[in-house]
Protein backbone atom coordinates (compact mmCIF):
# COMPACT_ATOMS: atom_id res chain seq x y z
CA MET A 1 -0.08 0.08 0.07
CA LEU A 2 1.55 3.31 -0.99
CA SER A 3 1.66 6.32 1.33
CA PRO A 4 -0.52 9.31 0.65
CA SER A 5 2.28 11.45 -0.27
CA LEU A 6 3.82 8.69 -2.77
CA ALA A 7 0.44 8.12 -4.33
CA HIS A 8 -0.04 11.76 -5.00
CA LEU A 9 3.49 11.91 -6.59
CA LEU A 10 2.84 9.08 -8.72
CA LEU A 11 -0.59 10.23 -9.86
CA GLY A 12 0.91 13.50 -10.74
CA LEU A 13 3.76 11.97 -12.59
CA ILE A 14 1.34 9.79 -14.68
CA VAL A 15 -0.85 12.76 -15.55
CA ALA A 16 2.23 14.93 -16.60
CA VAL A 17 3.73 12.07 -18.59
CA SER A 18 0.27 11.20 -20.42
CA ILE A 19 -0.14 14.94 -21.48
CA LEU A 20 3.60 15.29 -22.63
CA LEU A 21 3.18 11.99 -24.69
CA MET A 22 -0.08 13.33 -26.18
CA LEU A 23 1.74 16.52 -27.29
CA ILE A 24 4.76 14.93 -28.80
CA ARG A 25 2.94 11.73 -30.15
CA PRO A 26 5.97 9.30 -30.25
CA ARG A 27 5.95 6.96 -33.37
CA GLY A 28 2.82 8.86 -34.68
CA ILE A 29 0.49 6.93 -32.07
CA PRO A 30 -2.67 9.06 -31.70
CA GLU A 31 -3.13 11.34 -28.71
CA VAL A 32 -6.08 9.36 -27.33
CA TYR A 33 -3.94 6.42 -26.75
CA TRP A 34 -1.54 8.11 -24.47
CA ILE A 35 -4.24 9.87 -22.44
CA GLY A 36 -6.40 6.53 -22.23
CA ALA A 37 -3.13 4.79 -20.99
CA GLY A 38 -2.86 7.38 -18.29
CA VAL A 39 -6.44 6.98 -17.24
CA PHE A 40 -5.97 3.19 -17.19
CA LEU A 41 -2.75 3.12 -15.03
CA LEU A 42 -4.50 5.53 -12.49
CA LEU A 43 -7.27 3.02 -12.25
CA LEU A 44 -5.18 -0.12 -12.39
CA LEU A 45 -2.82 1.31 -9.48
CA GLN A 46 -5.99 2.36 -7.60
CA LEU A 47 -4.77 5.96 -7.41
CA ILE A 48 -8.30 7.14 -8.26
CA PRO A 49 -11.56 5.33 -7.50
CA LEU A 50 -13.67 4.30 -10.53
CA LYS A 51 -16.56 6.44 -9.47
CA LEU A 52 -14.46 9.66 -9.65
CA ALA A 53 -13.39 8.61 -13.22
CA GLY A 54 -17.03 8.06 -14.18
CA ARG A 55 -18.15 11.14 -12.24
CA ALA A 56 -15.33 13.14 -14.16
CA ALA A 57 -16.21 11.75 -17.56
CA ALA A 58 -20.01 12.55 -17.01
CA ASN A 59 -19.16 16.17 -16.30
CA GLY A 60 -18.21 16.61 -19.85
CA THR A 61 -21.63 15.43 -21.35
CA ASP A 62 -22.34 19.01 -22.75
CA VAL A 63 -19.10 19.20 -24.41
CA TYR A 64 -19.40 15.78 -25.87
CA LEU A 65 -22.95 16.54 -27.34
CA PHE A 66 -21.52 19.79 -28.77
CA LEU A 67 -18.73 18.16 -30.52
CA ILE A 68 -20.90 15.43 -31.96
CA GLY A 69 -23.26 17.93 -33.53
CA MET A 70 -20.62 20.06 -34.92
CA MET A 71 -18.50 17.06 -36.31
CA LEU A 72 -21.71 15.63 -37.89
CA LEU A 73 -22.60 19.08 -39.37
CA SER A 74 -19.11 19.53 -40.68
CA GLU A 75 -19.07 16.00 -42.34
CA LEU A 76 -22.60 16.74 -43.67
CA ALA A 77 -21.14 19.93 -45.31
CA ARG A 78 -18.11 18.19 -46.73
CA GLU A 79 -20.01 15.40 -48.28
CA HIS A 80 -22.36 17.65 -49.91
CA GLY A 81 -19.67 20.10 -51.33
CA VAL A 82 -20.41 23.21 -48.99
CA PHE A 83 -16.71 23.59 -48.24
CA ASP A 84 -15.57 22.98 -51.73
CA TRP A 85 -18.16 25.61 -52.84
CA LEU A 86 -16.86 28.28 -50.37
CA SER A 87 -13.23 27.59 -51.14
CA SER A 88 -13.69 27.67 -55.08
CA ALA A 89 -15.89 30.81 -54.66
CA ALA A 90 -13.02 32.49 -52.69
CA VAL A 91 -10.53 31.68 -55.37
CA ARG A 92 -12.87 32.88 -58.26
CA SER A 93 -13.85 35.88 -56.51
CA ALA A 94 -10.16 36.87 -55.94
CA LYS A 95 -10.16 37.90 -59.70
CA GLY A 96 -6.37 36.96 -60.01
CA SER A 97 -5.18 39.04 -56.89
CA TYR A 98 -3.10 37.02 -54.41
CA SER A 99 -3.92 39.75 -51.73
CA ARG A 100 -7.60 39.53 -52.37
CA LEU A 101 -7.44 35.72 -52.15
CA PHE A 102 -5.70 36.00 -48.92
CA LEU A 103 -8.46 38.21 -47.54
CA LEU A 104 -11.36 36.21 -48.87
CA VAL A 105 -9.82 32.85 -47.34
CA TYR A 106 -9.51 34.64 -44.14
CA ILE A 107 -13.13 35.89 -44.19
CA VAL A 108 -14.34 32.41 -44.99
CA GLY A 109 -12.15 30.95 -42.14
CA ALA A 110 -13.62 33.48 -39.81
CA VAL A 111 -17.23 32.71 -40.55
CA VAL A 112 -16.70 28.97 -40.47
CA THR A 113 -15.29 29.32 -37.34
CA ILE A 114 -17.73 31.72 -35.67
CA PHE A 115 -20.69 29.49 -36.64
CA MET A 116 -19.17 26.11 -36.86
CA SER A 117 -16.31 26.21 -34.35
CA ASN A 118 -12.62 26.26 -34.74
CA ASP A 119 -12.34 22.45 -35.35
CA ALA A 120 -14.47 22.65 -38.44
CA THR A 121 -12.13 25.21 -39.86
CA ALA A 122 -8.89 23.21 -38.98
CA VAL A 123 -10.37 19.77 -40.20
CA VAL A 124 -12.78 20.48 -43.03
CA LEU A 125 -12.11 23.82 -44.38
CA THR A 126 -8.32 23.62 -44.54
CA PRO A 127 -8.19 20.48 -47.13
CA ALA A 128 -10.90 22.36 -49.29
CA ILE A 129 -8.82 25.44 -49.37
CA LEU A 130 -5.62 23.45 -50.18
CA VAL A 131 -7.41 21.77 -53.27
CA ALA A 132 -8.81 25.26 -54.52
CA VAL A 133 -5.25 26.92 -54.25
CA ARG A 134 -3.48 24.00 -55.82
CA LYS A 135 -5.83 24.19 -58.60
CA ALA A 136 -5.16 27.82 -59.13
CA LYS A 137 -1.38 27.05 -59.16
CA VAL A 138 -0.97 29.05 -55.87
CA GLU A 139 1.67 28.71 -53.26
CA PRO A 140 -0.61 27.22 -50.55
CA LEU A 141 1.35 27.89 -47.31
CA PRO A 142 -0.07 31.39 -46.50
CA TYR A 143 -3.58 30.32 -46.96
CA LEU A 144 -3.04 27.32 -44.87
CA PHE A 145 -1.43 29.54 -42.07
CA VAL A 146 -4.57 31.65 -42.50
CA CYS A 147 -6.83 28.70 -41.70
CA ALA A 148 -4.84 27.70 -38.50
CA PHE A 149 -4.47 31.22 -37.22
CA ILE A 150 -8.34 32.53 -37.87
CA ALA A 151 -9.44 29.15 -36.09
CA ASN A 152 -8.17 30.30 -32.89
CA ALA A 153 -8.36 34.22 -33.53
CA ALA A 154 -12.06 34.08 -34.20
CA SER A 155 -12.89 31.33 -31.50
CA PHE A 156 -14.44 33.66 -28.95
CA VAL A 157 -16.89 35.78 -31.08
CA LEU A 158 -19.60 33.36 -30.12
CA PRO A 159 -19.86 30.57 -27.14
CA ILE A 160 -20.27 28.17 -29.86
CA SER A 161 -16.93 29.21 -31.70
CA ASN A 162 -14.74 26.96 -29.60
CA PRO A 163 -15.46 23.95 -27.35
CA ALA A 164 -12.99 25.25 -24.93
CA ASN A 165 -15.45 28.20 -24.16
CA LEU A 166 -17.81 25.42 -22.97
CA VAL A 167 -15.13 24.06 -20.63
CA VAL A 168 -13.87 27.41 -18.97
CA PHE A 169 -17.40 28.68 -18.22
CA HIS A 170 -19.05 25.28 -17.69
CA ASN A 171 -22.40 25.97 -16.18
CA GLN A 172 -21.70 29.66 -15.71
CA MET A 173 -21.97 30.42 -19.42
CA PRO A 174 -22.88 34.19 -19.87
CA PRO A 175 -26.04 34.92 -21.77
CA LEU A 176 -25.57 35.92 -25.57
CA GLY A 177 -26.16 39.59 -24.92
CA ARG A 178 -23.66 39.67 -22.16
CA TRP A 179 -21.27 37.57 -24.15
CA LEU A 180 -21.46 40.07 -27.19
CA LEU A 181 -21.00 42.88 -24.82
CA TRP A 182 -17.94 41.67 -23.05
CA PHE A 183 -16.32 39.92 -26.30
CA GLY A 184 -17.57 41.61 -29.29
CA VAL A 185 -14.98 44.30 -29.38
CA PRO A 186 -12.13 41.94 -28.27
CA SER A 187 -12.90 39.40 -30.86
CA VAL A 188 -12.96 41.91 -33.54
CA LEU A 189 -9.58 43.22 -32.57
CA SER A 190 -8.26 39.66 -32.37
CA ILE A 191 -9.41 38.88 -35.91
CA VAL A 192 -8.25 42.23 -37.37
CA THR A 193 -4.73 42.25 -35.54
CA THR A 194 -4.11 38.60 -36.55
CA PHE A 195 -4.81 39.52 -40.17
CA LEU A 196 -2.56 42.49 -40.13
CA VAL A 197 0.24 40.45 -38.74
CA LEU A 198 -0.11 37.55 -41.11
CA ARG A 199 -0.50 39.92 -44.06
CA TRP A 200 2.67 41.61 -43.06
CA ILE A 201 4.61 38.27 -42.66
CA PHE A 202 3.56 36.74 -45.83
CA ARG A 203 3.61 40.28 -47.88
CA LYS A 204 6.53 38.77 -50.31
CA GLN A 205 4.30 35.76 -51.19
CA LEU A 206 1.26 37.99 -52.04
CA HIS A 207 2.56 39.75 -54.91
CA GLY A 208 1.75 39.12 -58.55
CA VAL A 209 -1.16 37.75 -60.42
CA ILE A 210 -3.00 34.46 -60.31
CA GLU A 211 -2.58 33.04 -63.86
CA ARG A 212 -4.90 30.04 -63.62
CA ASP A 213 -8.68 30.33 -62.47
CA VAL A 214 -10.42 27.20 -61.00
CA GLU A 215 -13.81 25.84 -62.27
CA LYS A 216 -16.95 27.06 -60.76
CA HIS A 217 -18.21 24.78 -58.16
CA SER A 218 -21.97 25.15 -57.85
CA LEU A 219 -24.14 23.85 -55.04
CA ASN A 220 -26.69 21.18 -56.00
CA HIS A 221 -30.14 20.89 -54.15
CA ASP A 222 -28.75 18.90 -51.48
CA GLY A 223 -25.83 21.15 -50.93
CA LYS A 224 -28.27 24.16 -50.64
CA LEU A 225 -30.33 22.10 -48.16
CA VAL A 226 -27.31 21.53 -46.01
CA LEU A 227 -26.31 25.16 -46.18
CA GLY A 228 -29.68 26.01 -45.10
CA GLY A 229 -29.55 23.56 -42.28
CA LEU A 230 -26.29 25.14 -41.10
CA VAL A 231 -27.96 28.70 -41.00
CA ALA A 232 -30.95 27.11 -39.10
CA THR A 233 -28.31 25.53 -36.62
CA ALA A 234 -26.67 28.72 -36.10
CA VAL A 235 -30.07 30.61 -35.44
CA VAL A 236 -30.91 27.55 -32.94
CA LEU A 237 -27.64 28.01 -31.04
CA LEU A 238 -27.84 31.91 -30.91
CA ILE A 239 -31.31 31.46 -29.45
CA ALA A 240 -30.16 28.73 -26.90
CA SER A 241 -27.25 30.91 -25.92
CA GLY A 242 -29.61 33.90 -25.49
CA LEU A 243 -31.85 31.78 -23.15
CA ASP A 244 -28.67 30.91 -21.18
CA TRP A 245 -29.17 27.05 -21.93
CA ASP A 246 -26.42 24.49 -22.43
CA LEU A 247 -25.31 24.30 -25.84
CA GLY A 248 -24.46 20.68 -26.18
CA LEU A 249 -27.91 19.15 -26.47
CA PRO A 250 -29.34 22.06 -28.85
CA THR A 251 -26.19 21.35 -31.06
CA CYS A 252 -26.45 17.77 -31.11
CA GLY A 253 -30.29 17.66 -31.54
CA THR A 254 -30.31 20.17 -34.39
CA ALA A 255 -27.60 18.40 -36.35
CA LEU A 256 -29.47 15.05 -35.92
CA VAL A 257 -32.57 16.78 -37.47
CA VAL A 258 -30.74 18.43 -40.21
CA THR A 259 -28.95 15.22 -41.04
CA ALA A 260 -32.24 13.29 -41.07
CA ILE A 261 -33.95 15.97 -43.31
CA VAL A 262 -30.99 15.88 -46.02
CA SER A 263 -30.70 12.04 -45.74
CA LEU A 264 -34.37 11.72 -46.60
CA LYS A 265 -34.36 14.12 -49.51
CA SER A 266 -30.96 12.96 -50.94
CA ARG A 267 -32.31 9.20 -50.20
CA SER A 268 -28.82 8.39 -48.71
CA HIS A 269 -28.11 6.47 -45.50
CA PRO A 270 -26.83 8.53 -42.71
CA LEU A 271 -24.74 5.77 -41.14
CA PRO A 272 -21.50 6.60 -43.24
CA LEU A 273 -21.85 10.20 -41.64
CA VAL A 274 -21.88 8.74 -38.28
CA ARG A 275 -18.83 6.58 -38.96
CA GLU A 276 -17.00 9.63 -39.96
CA ILE A 277 -17.36 11.45 -36.52
CA SER A 278 -14.13 11.44 -34.68
CA TRP A 279 -15.13 9.23 -31.85
CA SER A 280 -11.38 9.23 -30.62
CA THR A 281 -11.72 12.87 -30.16
CA LEU A 282 -14.60 12.48 -27.76
CA ALA A 283 -12.59 9.86 -25.89
CA LEU A 284 -9.59 11.95 -25.73
CA VAL A 285 -11.76 14.87 -24.28
CA ALA A 286 -13.26 12.43 -21.56
CA GLY A 287 -9.87 11.19 -20.69
CA LEU A 288 -8.76 14.80 -20.16
CA PHE A 289 -11.68 15.39 -17.89
CA VAL A 290 -10.79 12.39 -15.95
CA LEU A 291 -6.89 13.45 -15.56
CA VAL A 292 -7.89 16.94 -14.58
CA ASP A 293 -10.28 15.65 -11.95
CA ALA A 294 -7.71 13.22 -10.69
CA VAL A 295 -5.16 16.09 -10.14
CA GLU A 296 -7.94 18.22 -8.49
CA SER A 297 -8.66 15.30 -6.15
CA ILE A 298 -5.27 15.36 -4.63
CA GLY A 299 -5.44 19.23 -3.87
CA ALA A 300 -3.20 20.20 -6.63
CA MET A 301 -5.78 23.07 -7.49
CA LYS A 302 -4.96 24.64 -4.17
CA GLN A 303 -1.60 25.86 -5.92
CA THR A 304 -3.74 27.42 -8.80
CA GLN A 305 -6.12 29.04 -6.49
CA ALA A 306 -3.44 30.42 -4.37
CA TRP A 307 -1.79 31.86 -7.67
CA LEU A 308 -5.33 33.29 -8.64
CA LEU A 309 -5.86 35.01 -5.16
CA TRP A 310 -2.16 36.55 -5.78
CA VAL A 311 -3.43 37.77 -9.33
CA GLN A 312 -6.49 39.38 -7.92
CA ALA A 313 -4.26 41.49 -5.30
CA ARG A 314 -2.56 42.99 -8.34
CA GLY A 315 -5.70 44.92 -9.19
CA PRO A 316 -8.30 44.36 -12.09
CA ALA A 317 -6.20 45.54 -14.99
CA VAL A 318 -2.83 44.15 -14.17
CA GLY A 319 -4.45 40.81 -12.92
CA ALA A 320 -6.40 40.42 -16.19
CA LEU A 321 -3.24 41.10 -18.31
CA ILE A 322 -1.27 38.50 -16.10
CA THR A 323 -4.01 36.04 -16.32
CA GLY A 324 -4.45 36.29 -20.08
CA PHE A 325 -0.72 35.98 -20.77
CA VAL A 326 0.13 33.25 -18.31
CA VAL A 327 -2.69 31.32 -19.56
CA GLY A 328 -2.06 31.97 -23.14
CA VAL A 329 1.56 30.91 -22.93
CA ALA A 330 0.66 27.78 -20.80
CA ASN A 331 -1.69 26.47 -23.56
CA ASN A 332 1.42 25.72 -25.62
CA LEU A 333 2.81 23.56 -22.87
CA VAL A 334 -0.10 21.46 -22.14
CA ASN A 335 -2.65 22.25 -24.83
CA ASN A 336 -5.69 24.44 -24.40
CA LEU A 337 -8.24 21.49 -23.63
CA PRO A 338 -6.63 20.36 -20.31
CA LEU A 339 -5.62 23.94 -19.62
CA GLY A 340 -9.17 25.21 -20.17
CA LEU A 341 -10.33 22.38 -17.68
CA ILE A 342 -7.61 23.47 -14.97
CA ALA A 343 -8.61 27.20 -15.63
CA GLY A 344 -12.45 26.55 -15.51
CA SER A 345 -12.13 24.32 -12.36
CA THR A 346 -9.85 26.99 -10.58
CA LEU A 347 -12.07 29.85 -11.28
CA GLN A 348 -15.23 27.90 -10.08
CA ALA A 349 -13.57 26.60 -7.01
CA ALA A 350 -12.47 30.28 -6.27
CA HIS A 351 -15.83 31.60 -7.09
CA THR A 352 -14.25 34.00 -9.43
CA LYS A 353 -16.15 35.73 -12.21
CA GLY A 354 -16.11 38.80 -14.51
CA LEU A 355 -12.98 40.11 -15.77
CA LEU A 356 -10.54 37.60 -14.65
CA THR A 357 -12.68 34.71 -16.09
CA SER A 358 -13.06 36.60 -19.42
CA ALA A 359 -9.11 37.18 -19.44
CA ALA A 360 -8.61 33.33 -18.79
CA MET A 361 -11.23 32.49 -21.55
CA ILE A 362 -9.17 34.92 -24.06
CA GLY A 363 -6.00 33.32 -23.11
CA VAL A 364 -7.41 29.59 -23.59
CA ASP A 365 -8.61 30.60 -27.05
CA LEU A 366 -6.15 32.92 -28.54
CA GLY A 367 -2.89 31.72 -26.81
CA PRO A 368 -2.71 28.57 -29.11
CA ASN A 369 -1.74 30.83 -31.96
CA LEU A 370 1.78 30.74 -30.48
CA SER A 371 2.76 27.15 -31.52
CA ILE A 372 1.40 24.08 -33.09
CA THR A 373 1.02 22.32 -29.73
CA GLY A 374 -1.44 24.97 -28.31
CA SER A 375 -4.99 23.66 -29.28
CA LEU A 376 -6.56 20.57 -30.34
CA ALA A 377 -7.67 22.68 -33.46
CA THR A 378 -4.01 23.23 -34.49
CA ILE A 379 -3.20 19.71 -33.93
CA LEU A 380 -5.89 18.52 -36.17
CA TRP A 381 -4.92 21.12 -38.81
CA LEU A 382 -1.37 19.84 -38.84
CA ILE A 383 -2.70 16.34 -38.95
CA ALA A 384 -4.96 17.36 -42.00
CA LEU A 385 -1.65 18.90 -43.75
CA ARG A 386 0.51 15.74 -43.04
CA LYS A 387 -2.06 13.82 -44.86
CA GLU A 388 -1.56 15.95 -48.03
CA LYS A 389 2.31 15.50 -47.72
CA ILE A 390 2.80 19.13 -46.31
CA ASP A 391 4.89 19.51 -43.35
CA VAL A 392 4.96 22.52 -41.29
CA SER A 393 7.66 22.51 -38.66
CA PHE A 394 7.32 23.55 -35.02
CA TRP A 395 9.84 26.40 -35.72
CA SER A 396 8.16 27.59 -38.79
CA PHE A 397 4.80 27.98 -36.99
CA LEU A 398 6.61 29.63 -33.81
CA LYS A 399 8.19 32.30 -35.86
CA VAL A 400 4.68 33.52 -36.96
CA GLY A 401 3.07 32.85 -33.70
CA LEU A 402 5.65 34.85 -31.90
CA ILE A 403 4.46 38.12 -33.32
CA ALA A 404 0.62 37.28 -34.19
CA MET A 405 -0.07 35.81 -30.78
CA PRO A 406 1.24 38.36 -28.28
CA ALA A 407 -0.15 41.26 -30.37
CA ALA A 408 -3.73 39.87 -30.77
CA LEU A 409 -3.67 38.84 -27.25
CA LEU A 410 -2.76 42.34 -26.08
CA ALA A 411 -5.27 44.12 -27.98
CA SER A 412 -8.01 41.61 -26.94
CA LEU A 413 -7.21 41.97 -23.20
CA LEU A 414 -6.95 45.84 -23.13
CA SER A 415 -10.37 45.85 -24.89
CA VAL A 416 -11.88 43.55 -22.55
CA ILE A 417 -10.67 45.36 -19.50
CA ALA A 418 -12.00 48.57 -21.02
CA MET A 419 -15.45 46.87 -21.75
CA HIS A 420 -15.66 45.57 -18.02
CA ALA A 421 -14.62 49.09 -16.75
CA TRP A 422 -16.93 50.84 -18.97
CA PHE A 423 -19.92 48.76 -18.05
CA ALA A 424 -18.85 48.59 -14.30
CA VAL A 425 -18.67 44.76 -14.44
CA PRO A 426 -16.65 43.49 -11.52
C-alpha cells in the first residue's frame, strides 16, 4: 500500500507524462491512446476510484454533445460540397489577386469558425482551401496558415465558436447578450490584428497575379439544403445561448434533425456520416476530464487557486493582463483543452467571475496561436496537412506565432478590460 504522499506524487507523474506524450505523439501514435493509457494506469494502480473517473467523464456530457453535433454538421457539409463551394468561390472572387484571395480565405475561415467552431475550420475547411489553391497554381502555405490562425483568433466571437469556451465557463456560461457585450470588441480586434500580422509576414508571397482560375463549383439541391440547415443550426444555437441554455443538447439535436432531413431528401443512408465522426476525439476529451479531476482530487488545484488570489491582489487591469498572458503561454505547454479544464475548475472553486474569467478564456482561445501544440484545432490542422504531404515544422509556426499571438492577445485583453470598466463589471 502506497503512502498518501507517494500516491499523490505517482498520480501527478502519470498525468504529466500522459499529457507530454499526447503532445509529442511518439511513433505517430494518436493522442487518445496516451491519455487513455494514463487513465487506465490511474485505475489499475487504484490511484483514483472508478466512481471519480465515471463522474469526471460524465461532467463533460455537454461538451461531447456539442462536438458530436458540430462534427456531424461538418461532415454533412463536406459530403455535399459546401466547403468545396466556399473555397472555390473565394478563389474565383479573388479575380487574379493574391492579396484579395488572402483576404477572402481569411473571411471564409472566420465565418466557418464563428458559426461552426474552430475545429471545423482546421479539419474540413483547410483541405478544401488546399485543393482550391493548388488548382489555381498558388503557393498554398500562406493560405494554410490563415486557416490555422483564424481558427483560434475568431474562436471567442460566440460561445459556439470553440469547445474550450464551454469548458472554461461550464455551467456559468454568460447569456448571449452579455457575451457579445464583453467579447464583441475584443474578438474583432483579435481577428483584425491577426490578419494584419499575417498579411505583413507573408507580404512577399502575396505579390503578382494568379494566372490560372479554378472551375466554378456550384451547389446542388442537397448542398443548398445542407447550407440552409447550417444557417438554421446557427440560429437555434444563438437562441439557446440567448436563453442561457447549455449548448450541447441543442447542437446535437439540431444536427440530427438536419442530417435526417438531408438524408431523406437525398435518399442517402446517414450511417456513413456517423462513422466519420471522430469518436477518438470524444474519448480524448473524456480522458482529459478524468485526468484533471484526478489532479484536483489530490489538492493540486490549491496551488492554482493560491496563484489566482495573488493575481487578484494586483488589481483588475494588471491581474487580467497577467492571467491572459500566463494562460495564453501555458496553453502551448499542456494544450488548451486540459488547460481550459484546469482554468475552469480553478475559477469555479475560487468563485471567481467577471474580468479574470474573461481574461482566462481569451488566453485559452487565443494563446494557441503561439505554437502547433497549443490547441486541439491546431493539432488537427497539422494532421490534415500531413495527410496531404505538407510538413509545417514547430519552428516555422513559432516564428509566425511569436508575433501574431502576443499582438492579438494584448489588443483583446486591453479591450476586454476597457469593456468591463466601462460597464462597471467586477
